[in-house]
Amino acid sequence: MFCKNDSKSYREILPGIGMKAVVYGENTLMTEFSLKGGSVLPAHNHIHEQTGYLISGKILLTIGEETFEVEPGDSWSVPGSVTHSAEILENSIAVEVFSPRREEYMEQ
């Protein structure tokens, strides 16, 4: 499957946090997140393994008991069912892959 970049807008999933599904396969889903400085992703967990890469901006990411200041070019992996949260320090763009794919994030 190939997916050309288009002008799809982000869908706001939390205040200041927008996402769009970029491409998916049978077992994975790639998403792009637009994160507004000052917004917060509250602590949560899910069954999905989540691997990410920060394209721009700066975030404070907590995975389990560890907290990291993430800058452009940094990456992370959150095992399934591990609690994680983020404080968005600057306007940011991140790409994340979920496995298994998150059906609720896929555009219908």
PDB file of N, CA and C in Angstrom:
ATOM      1  N   MET A   1       0.843  -1.176   0.000  1.00  0.00           N
ATOM      2  CA  MET A   1       0.000   0.000   0.000  1.00  0.00           C
ATOM      3  C   MET A   1       0.887   1.236   0.000  1.00  0.00           C
ATOM      4  N   PHE A   2       0.523   2.207  -0.796  1.00  0.00           N
ATOM      5  CA  PHE A   2       1.213   3.495  -0.850  1.00  0.00           C
ATOM      6  C   PHE A   2       0.215   4.577  -0.473  1.00  0.00           C
ATOM      7  N   CYS A   3       0.714   5.621   0.127  1.00  0.00           N
ATOM      8  CA  CYS A   3      -0.158   6.739   0.501  1.00  0.00           C
ATOM      9  C   CYS A   3       0.567   8.034   0.182  1.00  0.00           C
ATOM     10  N   LYS A   4      -0.005   8.839  -0.694  1.00  0.00           N
ATOM     11  CA  LYS A   4       0.557  10.148  -1.025  1.00  0.00           C
ATOM     12  C   LYS A   4       0.154  11.155   0.045  1.00  0.00           C
ATOM     13  N   ASN A   5       1.073  12.041   0.383  1.00  0.00           N
ATOM     14  CA  ASN A   5       0.748  13.111   1.317  1.00  0.00           C
ATOM     15  C   ASN A   5      -0.331  13.983   0.678  1.00  0.00           C
ATOM     16  N   ASP A   6      -1.340  14.296   1.446  1.00  0.00           N
ATOM     17  CA  ASP A   6      -2.372  15.195   0.947  1.00  0.00           C
ATOM     18  C   ASP A   6      -2.678  16.227   2.022  1.00  0.00           C
ATOM     19  N   SER A   7      -3.666  17.002   1.788  1.00  0.00           N
ATOM     20  CA  SER A   7      -3.965  18.094   2.716  1.00  0.00           C
ATOM     21  C   SER A   7      -4.979  17.683   3.780  1.00  0.00           C
ATOM     22  N   LYS A   8      -5.064  16.372   4.070  1.00  0.00           N
ATOM     23  CA  LYS A   8      -5.977  15.943   5.128  1.00  0.00           C
ATOM     24  C   LYS A   8      -5.679  16.739   6.394  1.00  0.00           C
ATOM     25  N   SER A   9      -6.728  17.207   7.013  1.00  0.00           N
ATOM     26  CA  SER A   9      -6.516  17.957   8.244  1.00  0.00           C
ATOM     27  C   SER A   9      -6.423  16.997   9.423  1.00  0.00           C
ATOM     28  N   TYR A  10      -5.817  17.503  10.469  1.00  0.00           N
ATOM     29  CA  TYR A  10      -5.722  16.734  11.693  1.00  0.00           C
ATOM     30  C   TYR A  10      -7.089  16.677  12.356  1.00  0.00           C
ATOM     31  N   ARG A  11      -7.364  15.576  13.005  1.00  0.00           N
ATOM     32  CA  ARG A  11      -8.591  15.404  13.794  1.00  0.00           C
ATOM     33  C   ARG A  11      -8.204  15.600  15.257  1.00  0.00           C
ATOM     34  N   GLU A  12      -8.837  16.547  15.940  1.00  0.00           N
ATOM     35  CA  GLU A  12      -8.483  16.802  17.333  1.00  0.00           C
ATOM     36  C   GLU A  12      -8.992  15.659  18.198  1.00  0.00           C
ATOM     37  N   ILE A  13      -8.063  15.016  18.933  1.00  0.00           N
ATOM     38  CA  ILE A  13      -8.457  13.910  19.806  1.00  0.00           C
ATOM     39  C   ILE A  13      -8.463  14.330  21.268  1.00  0.00           C
ATOM     40  N   LEU A  14      -7.718  15.374  21.594  1.00  0.00           N
ATOM     41  CA  LEU A  14      -7.704  16.016  22.906  1.00  0.00           C
ATOM     42  C   LEU A  14      -7.402  17.490  22.667  1.00  0.00           C
ATOM     43  N   PRO A  15      -7.722  18.373  23.598  1.00  0.00           N
ATOM     44  CA  PRO A  15      -7.401  19.782  23.376  1.00  0.00           C
ATOM     45  C   PRO A  15      -5.912  19.984  23.063  1.00  0.00           C
ATOM     46  N   GLY A  16      -5.626  20.596  21.903  1.00  0.00           N
ATOM     47  CA  GLY A  16      -4.261  20.865  21.488  1.00  0.00           C
ATOM     48  C   GLY A  16      -3.530  19.693  20.872  1.00  0.00           C
ATOM     49  N   ILE A  17      -4.202  18.554  20.746  1.00  0.00           N
ATOM     50  CA  ILE A  17      -3.571  17.352  20.195  1.00  0.00           C
ATOM     51  C   ILE A  17      -4.396  16.855  19.015  1.00  0.00           C
ATOM     52  N   GLY A  18      -3.804  16.972  17.812  1.00  0.00           N
ATOM     53  CA  GLY A  18      -4.470  16.518  16.601  1.00  0.00           C
ATOM     54  C   GLY A  18      -3.715  15.356  16.003  1.00  0.00           C
ATOM     55  N   MET A  19      -4.430  14.494  15.296  1.00  0.00           N
ATOM     56  CA  MET A  19      -3.786  13.353  14.650  1.00  0.00           C
ATOM     57  C   MET A  19      -4.430  13.086  13.305  1.00  0.00           C
ATOM     58  N   LYS A  20      -3.642  12.437  12.454  1.00  0.00           N
ATOM     59  CA  LYS A  20      -4.201  11.906  11.215  1.00  0.00           C
ATOM     60  C   LYS A  20      -3.524  10.582  10.928  1.00  0.00           C
ATOM     61  N   ALA A  21      -4.328   9.629  10.481  1.00  0.00           N
ATOM     62  CA  ALA A  21      -3.786   8.337  10.064  1.00  0.00           C
ATOM     63  C   ALA A  21      -3.089   8.560   8.731  1.00  0.00           C
ATOM     64  N   VAL A  22      -1.845   8.111   8.635  1.00  0.00           N
ATOM     65  CA  VAL A  22      -1.075   8.330   7.417  1.00  0.00           C
ATOM     66  C   VAL A  22      -1.193   7.122   6.498  1.00  0.00           C
ATOM     67  N   VAL A  23      -0.885   5.949   7.024  1.00  0.00           N
ATOM     68  CA  VAL A  23      -0.962   4.720   6.238  1.00  0.00           C
ATOM     69  C   VAL A  23      -1.078   3.546   7.215  1.00  0.00           C
ATOM     70  N   TYR A  24      -1.623   2.449   6.732  1.00  0.00           N
ATOM     71  CA  TYR A  24      -1.770   1.290   7.612  1.00  0.00           C
ATOM     72  C   TYR A  24      -1.590   0.005   6.821  1.00  0.00           C
ATOM     73  N   GLY A  25      -1.270  -1.038   7.567  1.00  0.00           N
ATOM     74  CA  GLY A  25      -1.176  -2.380   7.022  1.00  0.00           C
ATOM     75  C   GLY A  25      -2.067  -3.290   7.841  1.00  0.00           C
ATOM     76  N   GLU A  26      -1.898  -4.567   7.668  1.00  0.00           N
ATOM     77  CA  GLU A  26      -2.733  -5.517   8.392  1.00  0.00           C
ATOM     78  C   GLU A  26      -2.498  -5.435   9.904  1.00  0.00           C
ATOM     79  N   ASN A  27      -1.245  -5.170  10.326  1.00  0.00           N
ATOM     80  CA  ASN A  27      -0.905  -5.200  11.747  1.00  0.00           C
ATOM     81  C   ASN A  27      -0.405  -3.883  12.318  1.00  0.00           C
ATOM     82  N   THR A  28      -0.176  -2.878  11.490  1.00  0.00           N
ATOM     83  CA  THR A  28       0.376  -1.615  11.977  1.00  0.00           C
ATOM     84  C   THR A  28      -0.416  -0.429  11.434  1.00  0.00           C
ATOM     85  N   LEU A  29      -0.298   0.685  12.162  1.00  0.00           N
ATOM     86  CA  LEU A  29      -0.916   1.940  11.748  1.00  0.00           C
ATOM     87  C   LEU A  29       0.093   3.044  12.013  1.00  0.00           C
ATOM     88  N   MET A  30       0.389   3.866  11.002  1.00  0.00           N
ATOM     89  CA  MET A  30       1.268   5.019  11.174  1.00  0.00           C
ATOM     90  C   MET A  30       0.406   6.269  11.261  1.00  0.00           C
ATOM     91  N   THR A  31       0.702   7.093  12.270  1.00  0.00           N
ATOM     92  CA  THR A  31      -0.042   8.330  12.481  1.00  0.00           C
ATOM     93  C   THR A  31       0.916   9.506  12.567  1.00  0.00           C
ATOM     94  N   GLU A  32       0.387  10.690  12.256  1.00  0.00           N
ATOM     95  CA  GLU A  32       1.132  11.924  12.438  1.00  0.00           C
ATOM     96  C   GLU A  32       0.347  12.759  13.444  1.00  0.00           C
ATOM     97  N   PHE A  33       1.052  13.282  14.435  1.00  0.00           N
ATOM     98  CA  PHE A  33       0.431  14.078  15.482  1.00  0.00           C
ATOM     99  C   PHE A  33       0.913  15.516  15.411  1.00  0.00           C
ATOM    100  N   SER A  34      -0.013  16.444  15.551  1.00  0.00           N
ATOM    101  CA  SER A  34       0.279  17.862  15.690  1.00  0.00           C
ATOM    102  C   SER A  34      -0.019  18.209  17.142  1.00  0.00           C
ATOM    103  N   LEU A  35       1.003  18.668  17.866  1.00  0.00           N
ATOM    104  CA  LEU A  35       0.904  18.864  19.305  1.00  0.00           C
ATOM    105  C   LEU A  35       1.159  20.331  19.636  1.00  0.00           C
ATOM    106  N   LYS A  36       0.191  20.987  20.225  1.00  0.00           N
ATOM    107  CA  LYS A  36       0.309  22.410  20.538  1.00  0.00           C
ATOM    108  C   LYS A  36       1.036  22.593  21.870  1.00  0.00           C
ATOM    109  N   GLY A  37       2.018  23.510  21.864  1.00  0.00           N
ATOM    110  CA  GLY A  37       2.751  23.805  23.086  1.00  0.00           C
ATOM    111  C   GLY A  37       1.805  24.130  24.231  1.00  0.00           C
ATOM    112  N   GLY A  38       2.080  23.572  25.407  1.00  0.00           N
ATOM    113  CA  GLY A  38       1.246  23.787  26.579  1.00  0.00           C
ATOM    114  C   GLY A  38       0.166  22.738  26.768  1.00  0.00           C
ATOM    115  N   SER A  39      -0.080  21.913  25.767  1.00  0.00           N
ATOM    116  CA  SER A  39      -1.096  20.875  25.921  1.00  0.00           C
ATOM    117  C   SER A  39      -0.504  19.670  26.653  1.00  0.00           C
ATOM    118  N   VAL A  40      -1.394  18.807  27.137  1.00  0.00           N
ATOM    119  CA  VAL A  40      -0.984  17.655  27.942  1.00  0.00           C
ATOM    120  C   VAL A  40      -1.705  16.412  27.432  1.00  0.00           C
ATOM    121  N   LEU A  41      -0.950  15.337  27.287  1.00  0.00           N
ATOM    122  CA  LEU A  41      -1.520  14.018  27.026  1.00  0.00           C
ATOM    123  C   LEU A  41      -1.540  13.306  28.370  1.00  0.00           C
ATOM    124  N   PRO A  42      -2.727  13.123  28.961  1.00  0.00           N
ATOM    125  CA  PRO A  42      -2.792  12.535  30.301  1.00  0.00           C
ATOM    126  C   PRO A  42      -2.271  11.100  30.331  1.00  0.00           C
ATOM    127  N   ALA A  43      -1.884  10.658  31.512  1.00  0.00           N
ATOM    128  CA  ALA A  43      -1.407   9.281  31.692  1.00  0.00           C
ATOM    129  C   ALA A  43      -2.488   8.300  31.239  1.00  0.00           C
ATOM    130  N   HIS A  44      -2.080   7.328  30.439  1.00  0.00           N
ATOM    131  CA  HIS A  44      -3.000   6.312  29.931  1.00  0.00           C
ATOM    132  C   HIS A  44      -2.188   5.098  29.490  1.00  0.00           C
ATOM    133  N   ASN A  45      -2.869   4.030  29.175  1.00  0.00           N
ATOM    134  CA  ASN A  45      -2.221   2.861  28.576  1.00  0.00           C
ATOM    135  C   ASN A  45      -3.206   2.177  27.653  1.00  0.00           C
ATOM    136  N   HIS A  46      -2.685   1.321  26.798  1.00  0.00           N
ATOM    137  CA  HIS A  46      -3.484   0.563  25.837  1.00  0.00           C
ATOM    138  C   HIS A  46      -2.685  -0.670  25.443  1.00  0.00           C
ATOM    139  N   ILE A  47      -3.329  -1.589  24.792  1.00  0.00           N
ATOM    140  CA  ILE A  47      -2.656  -2.846  24.438  1.00  0.00           C
ATOM    141  C   ILE A  47      -1.609  -2.666  23.346  1.00  0.00           C
ATOM    142  N   HIS A  48      -1.662  -1.566  22.625  1.00  0.00           N
ATOM    143  CA  HIS A  48      -0.818  -1.358  21.451  1.00  0.00           C
ATOM    144  C   HIS A  48       0.620  -1.011  21.815  1.00  0.00           C
ATOM    145  N   GLU A  49       1.578  -1.643  21.129  1.00  0.00           N
ATOM    146  CA  GLU A  49       2.951  -1.179  21.180  1.00  0.00           C
ATOM    147  C   GLU A  49       2.998   0.093  20.347  1.00  0.00           C
ATOM    148  N   GLN A  50       3.773   1.077  20.794  1.00  0.00           N
ATOM    149  CA  GLN A  50       3.771   2.401  20.156  1.00  0.00           C
ATOM    150  C   GLN A  50       5.216   2.851  19.993  1.00  0.00           C
ATOM    151  N   THR A  51       5.627   3.103  18.768  1.00  0.00           N
ATOM    152  CA  THR A  51       6.989   3.547  18.473  1.00  0.00           C
ATOM    153  C   THR A  51       6.904   4.900  17.797  1.00  0.00           C
ATOM    154  N   GLY A  52       7.694   5.873  18.285  1.00  0.00           N
ATOM    155  CA  GLY A  52       7.558   7.220  17.773  1.00  0.00           C
ATOM    156  C   GLY A  52       8.874   7.896  17.440  1.00  0.00           C
ATOM    157  N   TYR A  53       8.739   9.005  16.689  1.00  0.00           N
ATOM    158  CA  TYR A  53       9.869   9.824  16.232  1.00  0.00           C
ATOM    159  C   TYR A  53       9.407  11.268  16.229  1.00  0.00           C
ATOM    160  N   LEU A  54      10.194  12.156  16.861  1.00  0.00           N
ATOM    161  CA  LEU A  54       9.830  13.567  16.897  1.00  0.00           C
ATOM    162  C   LEU A  54      10.458  14.294  15.715  1.00  0.00           C
ATOM    163  N   ILE A  55       9.614  14.893  14.896  1.00  0.00           N
ATOM    164  CA  ILE A  55      10.080  15.633  13.716  1.00  0.00           C
ATOM    165  C   ILE A  55      10.466  17.055  14.097  1.00  0.00           C
ATOM    166  N   SER A  56       9.632  17.708  14.900  1.00  0.00           N
ATOM    167  CA  SER A  56       9.923  19.090  15.295  1.00  0.00           C
ATOM    168  C   SER A  56       9.328  19.356  16.665  1.00  0.00           C
ATOM    169  N   GLY A  57       9.852  20.381  17.340  1.00  0.00           N
ATOM    170  CA  GLY A  57       9.337  20.792  18.637  1.00  0.00           C
ATOM    171  C   GLY A  57      10.078  20.165  19.798  1.00  0.00           C
ATOM    172  N   LYS A  58       9.397  20.098  20.934  1.00  0.00           N
ATOM    173  CA  LYS A  58       9.983  19.522  22.141  1.00  0.00           C
ATOM    174  C   LYS A  58       8.862  19.041  23.046  1.00  0.00           C
ATOM    175  N   ILE A  59       8.999  17.821  23.575  1.00  0.00           N
ATOM    176  CA  ILE A  59       8.010  17.266  24.495  1.00  0.00           C
ATOM    177  C   ILE A  59       8.715  16.633  25.688  1.00  0.00           C
ATOM    178  N   LEU A  60       7.999  16.537  26.784  1.00  0.00           N
ATOM    179  CA  LEU A  60       8.461  15.823  27.964  1.00  0.00           C
ATOM    180  C   LEU A  60       7.614  14.562  28.018  1.00  0.00           C
ATOM    181  N   LEU A  61       8.230  13.419  27.779  1.00  0.00           N
ATOM    182  CA  LEU A  61       7.520  12.148  27.626  1.00  0.00           C
ATOM    183  C   LEU A  61       7.850  11.241  28.797  1.00  0.00           C
ATOM    184  N   THR A  62       6.825  10.726  29.446  1.00  0.00           N
ATOM    185  CA  THR A  62       7.002   9.780  30.543  1.00  0.00           C
ATOM    186  C   THR A  62       6.490   8.419  30.085  1.00  0.00           C
ATOM    187  N   ILE A  63       7.356   7.413  30.213  1.00  0.00           N
ATOM    188  CA  ILE A  63       7.010   6.026  29.888  1.00  0.00           C
ATOM    189  C   ILE A  63       7.290   5.221  31.145  1.00  0.00           C
ATOM    190  N   GLY A  64       6.240   4.673  31.732  1.00  0.00           N
ATOM    191  CA  GLY A  64       6.419   3.976  33.003  1.00  0.00           C
ATOM    192  C   GLY A  64       6.923   4.959  34.048  1.00  0.00           C
ATOM    193  N   GLU A  65       8.066   4.678  34.644  1.00  0.00           N
ATOM    194  CA  GLU A  65       8.650   5.525  35.687  1.00  0.00           C
ATOM    195  C   GLU A  65       9.727   6.465  35.158  1.00  0.00           C
ATOM    196  N   GLU A  66      10.013   6.439  33.854  1.00  0.00           N
ATOM    197  CA  GLU A  66      11.082   7.251  33.279  1.00  0.00           C
ATOM    198  C   GLU A  66      10.520   8.425  32.480  1.00  0.00           C
ATOM    199  N   THR A  67      11.170   9.584  32.623  1.00  0.00           N
ATOM    200  CA  THR A  67      10.763  10.779  31.891  1.00  0.00           C
ATOM    201  C   THR A  67      11.936  11.254  31.034  1.00  0.00           C
ATOM    202  N   PHE A  68      11.635  11.616  29.789  1.00  0.00           N
ATOM    203  CA  PHE A  68      12.643  12.035  28.822  1.00  0.00           C
ATOM    204  C   PHE A  68      12.231  13.372  28.213  1.00  0.00           C
ATOM    205  N   GLU A  69      13.197  14.259  27.995  1.00  0.00           N
ATOM    206  CA  GLU A  69      12.949  15.467  27.219  1.00  0.00           C
ATOM    207  C   GLU A  69      13.282  15.105  25.776  1.00  0.00           C
ATOM    208  N   VAL A  70      12.269  15.050  24.943  1.00  0.00           N
ATOM    209  CA  VAL A  70      12.415  14.583  23.565  1.00  0.00           C
ATOM    210  C   VAL A  70      12.547  15.793  22.639  1.00  0.00           C
ATOM    211  N   GLU A  71      13.570  15.760  21.786  1.00  0.00           N
ATOM    212  CA  GLU A  71      13.844  16.825  20.830  1.00  0.00           C
ATOM    213  C   GLU A  71      13.847  16.245  19.419  1.00  0.00           C
ATOM    214  N   PRO A  72      13.823  17.098  18.388  1.00  0.00           N
ATOM    215  CA  PRO A  72      13.786  16.593  17.007  1.00  0.00           C
ATOM    216  C   PRO A  72      14.887  15.562  16.739  1.00  0.00           C
ATOM    217  N   GLY A  73      14.470  14.463  16.117  1.00  0.00           N
ATOM    218  CA  GLY A  73      15.391  13.376  15.805  1.00  0.00           C
ATOM    219  C   GLY A  73      15.405  12.285  16.852  1.00  0.00           C
ATOM    220  N   ASP A  74      14.842  12.543  18.044  1.00  0.00           N
ATOM    221  CA  ASP A  74      14.774  11.520  19.087  1.00  0.00           C
ATOM    222  C   ASP A  74      13.602  10.580  18.810  1.00  0.00           C
ATOM    223  N   SER A  75      13.698   9.373  19.337  1.00  0.00           N
ATOM    224  CA  SER A  75      12.647   8.382  19.132  1.00  0.00           C
ATOM    225  C   SER A  75      12.381   7.637  20.439  1.00  0.00           C
ATOM    226  N   TRP A  76      11.288   6.876  20.469  1.00  0.00           N
ATOM    227  CA  TRP A  76      10.878   6.164  21.675  1.00  0.00           C
ATOM    228  C   TRP A  76      10.047   4.949  21.303  1.00  0.00           C
ATOM    229  N   SER A  77       9.899   4.064  22.285  1.00  0.00           N
ATOM    230  CA  SER A  77       9.037   2.903  22.123  1.00  0.00           C
ATOM    231  C   SER A  77       8.318   2.664  23.443  1.00  0.00           C
ATOM    232  N   VAL A  78       7.013   2.516  23.366  1.00  0.00           N
ATOM    233  CA  VAL A  78       6.186   2.260  24.541  1.00  0.00           C
ATOM    234  C   VAL A  78       5.634   0.846  24.391  1.00  0.00           C
ATOM    235  N   PRO A  79       6.024  -0.078  25.284  1.00  0.00           N
ATOM    236  CA  PRO A  79       5.447  -1.416  25.216  1.00  0.00           C
ATOM    237  C   PRO A  79       3.945  -1.380  25.472  1.00  0.00           C
ATOM    238  N   GLY A  80       3.234  -2.345  24.955  1.00  0.00           N
ATOM    239  CA  GLY A  80       1.802  -2.432  25.202  1.00  0.00           C
ATOM    240  C   GLY A  80       1.504  -2.495  26.687  1.00  0.00           C
ATOM    241  N   SER A  81       0.420  -1.865  27.099  1.00  0.00           N
ATOM    242  CA  SER A  81      -0.093  -1.856  28.471  1.00  0.00           C
ATOM    243  C   SER A  81       0.783  -1.120  29.477  1.00  0.00           C
ATOM    244  N   VAL A  82       1.775  -0.345  29.027  1.00  0.00           N
ATOM    245  CA  VAL A  82       2.607   0.468  29.916  1.00  0.00           C
ATOM    246  C   VAL A  82       2.037   1.892  29.950  1.00  0.00           C
ATOM    247  N   THR A  83       1.868   2.432  31.137  1.00  0.00           N
ATOM    248  CA  THR A  83       1.321   3.778  31.291  1.00  0.00           C
ATOM    249  C   THR A  83       2.323   4.807  30.784  1.00  0.00           C
ATOM    250  N   HIS A  84       1.811   5.792  30.038  1.00  0.00           N
ATOM    251  CA  HIS A  84       2.660   6.853  29.492  1.00  0.00           C
ATOM    252  C   HIS A  84       1.853   8.147  29.391  1.00  0.00           C
ATOM    253  N   SER A  85       2.592   9.270  29.352  1.00  0.00           N
ATOM    254  CA  SER A  85       1.966  10.597  29.274  1.00  0.00           C
ATOM    255  C   SER A  85       2.962  11.553  28.638  1.00  0.00           C
ATOM    256  N   ALA A  86       2.479  12.742  28.271  1.00  0.00           N
ATOM    257  CA  ALA A  86       3.379  13.728  27.660  1.00  0.00           C
ATOM    258  C   ALA A  86       2.915  15.139  27.997  1.00  0.00           C
ATOM    259  N   GLU A  87       3.906  16.001  28.202  1.00  0.00           N
ATOM    260  CA  GLU A  87       3.679  17.429  28.333  1.00  0.00           C
ATOM    261  C   GLU A  87       4.317  18.052  27.101  1.00  0.00           C
ATOM    262  N   ILE A  88       3.549  18.814  26.341  1.00  0.00           N
ATOM    263  CA  ILE A  88       4.049  19.397  25.108  1.00  0.00           C
ATOM    264  C   ILE A  88       4.695  20.745  25.445  1.00  0.00           C
ATOM    265  N   LEU A  89       6.021  20.819  25.316  1.00  0.00           N
ATOM    266  CA  LEU A  89       6.769  22.012  25.707  1.00  0.00           C
ATOM    267  C   LEU A  89       6.774  23.071  24.615  1.00  0.00           C
ATOM    268  N   GLU A  90       6.746  22.653  23.351  1.00  0.00           N
ATOM    269  CA  GLU A  90       6.719  23.556  22.188  1.00  0.00           C
ATOM    270  C   GLU A  90       5.805  22.937  21.149  1.00  0.00           C
ATOM    271  N   ASN A  91       5.279  23.733  20.238  1.00  0.00           N
ATOM    272  CA  ASN A  91       4.530  23.161  19.124  1.00  0.00           C
ATOM    273  C   ASN A  91       5.384  22.071  18.490  1.00  0.00           C
ATOM    274  N   SER A  92       4.788  20.901  18.282  1.00  0.00           N
ATOM    275  CA  SER A  92       5.560  19.738  17.850  1.00  0.00           C
ATOM    276  C   SER A  92       4.816  18.929  16.798  1.00  0.00           C
ATOM    277  N   ILE A  93       5.594  18.190  16.013  1.00  0.00           N
ATOM    278  CA  ILE A  93       5.063  17.201  15.069  1.00  0.00           C
ATOM    279  C   ILE A  93       5.772  15.882  15.371  1.00  0.00           C
ATOM    280  N   ALA A  94       4.979  14.833  15.570  1.00  0.00           N
ATOM    281  CA  ALA A  94       5.526  13.506  15.849  1.00  0.00           C
ATOM    282  C   ALA A  94       4.868  12.487  14.933  1.00  0.00           C
ATOM    283  N   VAL A  95       5.614  11.442  14.611  1.00  0.00           N
ATOM    284  CA  VAL A  95       5.084  10.310  13.844  1.00  0.00           C
ATOM    285  C   VAL A  95       5.163   9.095  14.752  1.00  0.00           C
ATOM    286  N   GLU A  96       4.067   8.327  14.816  1.00  0.00           N
ATOM    287  CA  GLU A  96       4.057   7.133  15.644  1.00  0.00           C
ATOM    288  C   GLU A  96       3.434   5.970  14.884  1.00  0.00           C
ATOM    289  N   VAL A  97       3.934   4.776  15.195  1.00  0.00           N
ATOM    290  CA  VAL A  97       3.414   3.539  14.624  1.00  0.00           C
ATOM    291  C   VAL A  97       2.843   2.704  15.765  1.00  0.00           C
ATOM    292  N   PHE A  98       1.640   2.190  15.566  1.00  0.00           N
ATOM    293  CA  PHE A  98       0.967   1.367  16.560  1.00  0.00           C
ATOM    294  C   PHE A  98       0.804  -0.054  16.023  1.00  0.00           C
ATOM    295  N   SER A  99       1.016  -1.034  16.915  1.00  0.00           N
ATOM    296  CA  SER A  99       0.784  -2.437  16.570  1.00  0.00           C
ATOM    297  C   SER A  99       0.198  -3.136  17.791  1.00  0.00           C
ATOM    298  N   PRO A 100      -0.925  -3.838  17.650  1.00  0.00           N
ATOM    299  CA  PRO A 100      -1.723  -3.910  16.433  1.00  0.00           C
ATOM    300  C   PRO A 100      -2.295  -2.532  16.089  1.00  0.00           C
ATOM    301  N   ARG A 101      -2.754  -2.394  14.867  1.00  0.00           N
ATOM    302  CA  ARG A 101      -3.241  -1.079  14.443  1.00  0.00           C
ATOM    303  C   ARG A 101      -4.431  -0.657  15.306  1.00  0.00           C
ATOM    304  N   ARG A 102      -4.542   0.636  15.504  1.00  0.00           N
ATOM    305  CA  ARG A 102      -5.631   1.193  16.306  1.00  0.00           C
ATOM    306  C   ARG A 102      -6.801   1.506  15.388  1.00  0.00           C
ATOM    307  N   GLU A 103      -7.766   0.651  15.407  1.00  0.00           N
ATOM    308  CA  GLU A 103      -8.907   0.807  14.513  1.00  0.00           C
ATOM    309  C   GLU A 103      -9.611   2.146  14.715  1.00  0.00           C
ATOM    310  N   GLU A 104      -9.663   2.636  15.974  1.00  0.00           N
ATOM    311  CA  GLU A 104     -10.380   3.886  16.246  1.00  0.00           C
ATOM    312  C   GLU A 104      -9.677   5.095  15.651  1.00  0.00           C
ATOM    313  N   TYR A 105      -8.382   4.946  15.262  1.00  0.00           N
ATOM    314  CA  TYR A 105      -7.647   6.046  14.643  1.00  0.00           C
ATOM    315  C   TYR A 105      -7.761   6.029  13.116  1.00  0.00           C
ATOM    316  N   MET A 106      -8.226   4.942  12.568  1.00  0.00           N
ATOM    317  CA  MET A 106      -8.310   4.831  11.103  1.00  0.00           C
ATOM    318  C   MET A 106      -9.518   5.607  10.602  1.00  0.00           C
ATOM    319  N   GLU A 107      -9.325   6.268   9.491  1.00  0.00           N
ATOM    320  CA  GLU A 107     -10.424   7.037   8.889  1.00  0.00           C
ATOM    321  C   GLU A 107     -11.398   6.062   8.251  1.00  0.00           C
ATOM    322  N   GLN A 108     -12.658   6.295   8.504  1.00  0.00           N
ATOM    323  CA  GLN A 108     -13.699   5.413   7.957  1.00  0.00           C
ATOM    324  C   GLN A 108     -14.174   5.910   6.613  1.00  0.00           C
TER     325      GLN A 108
END
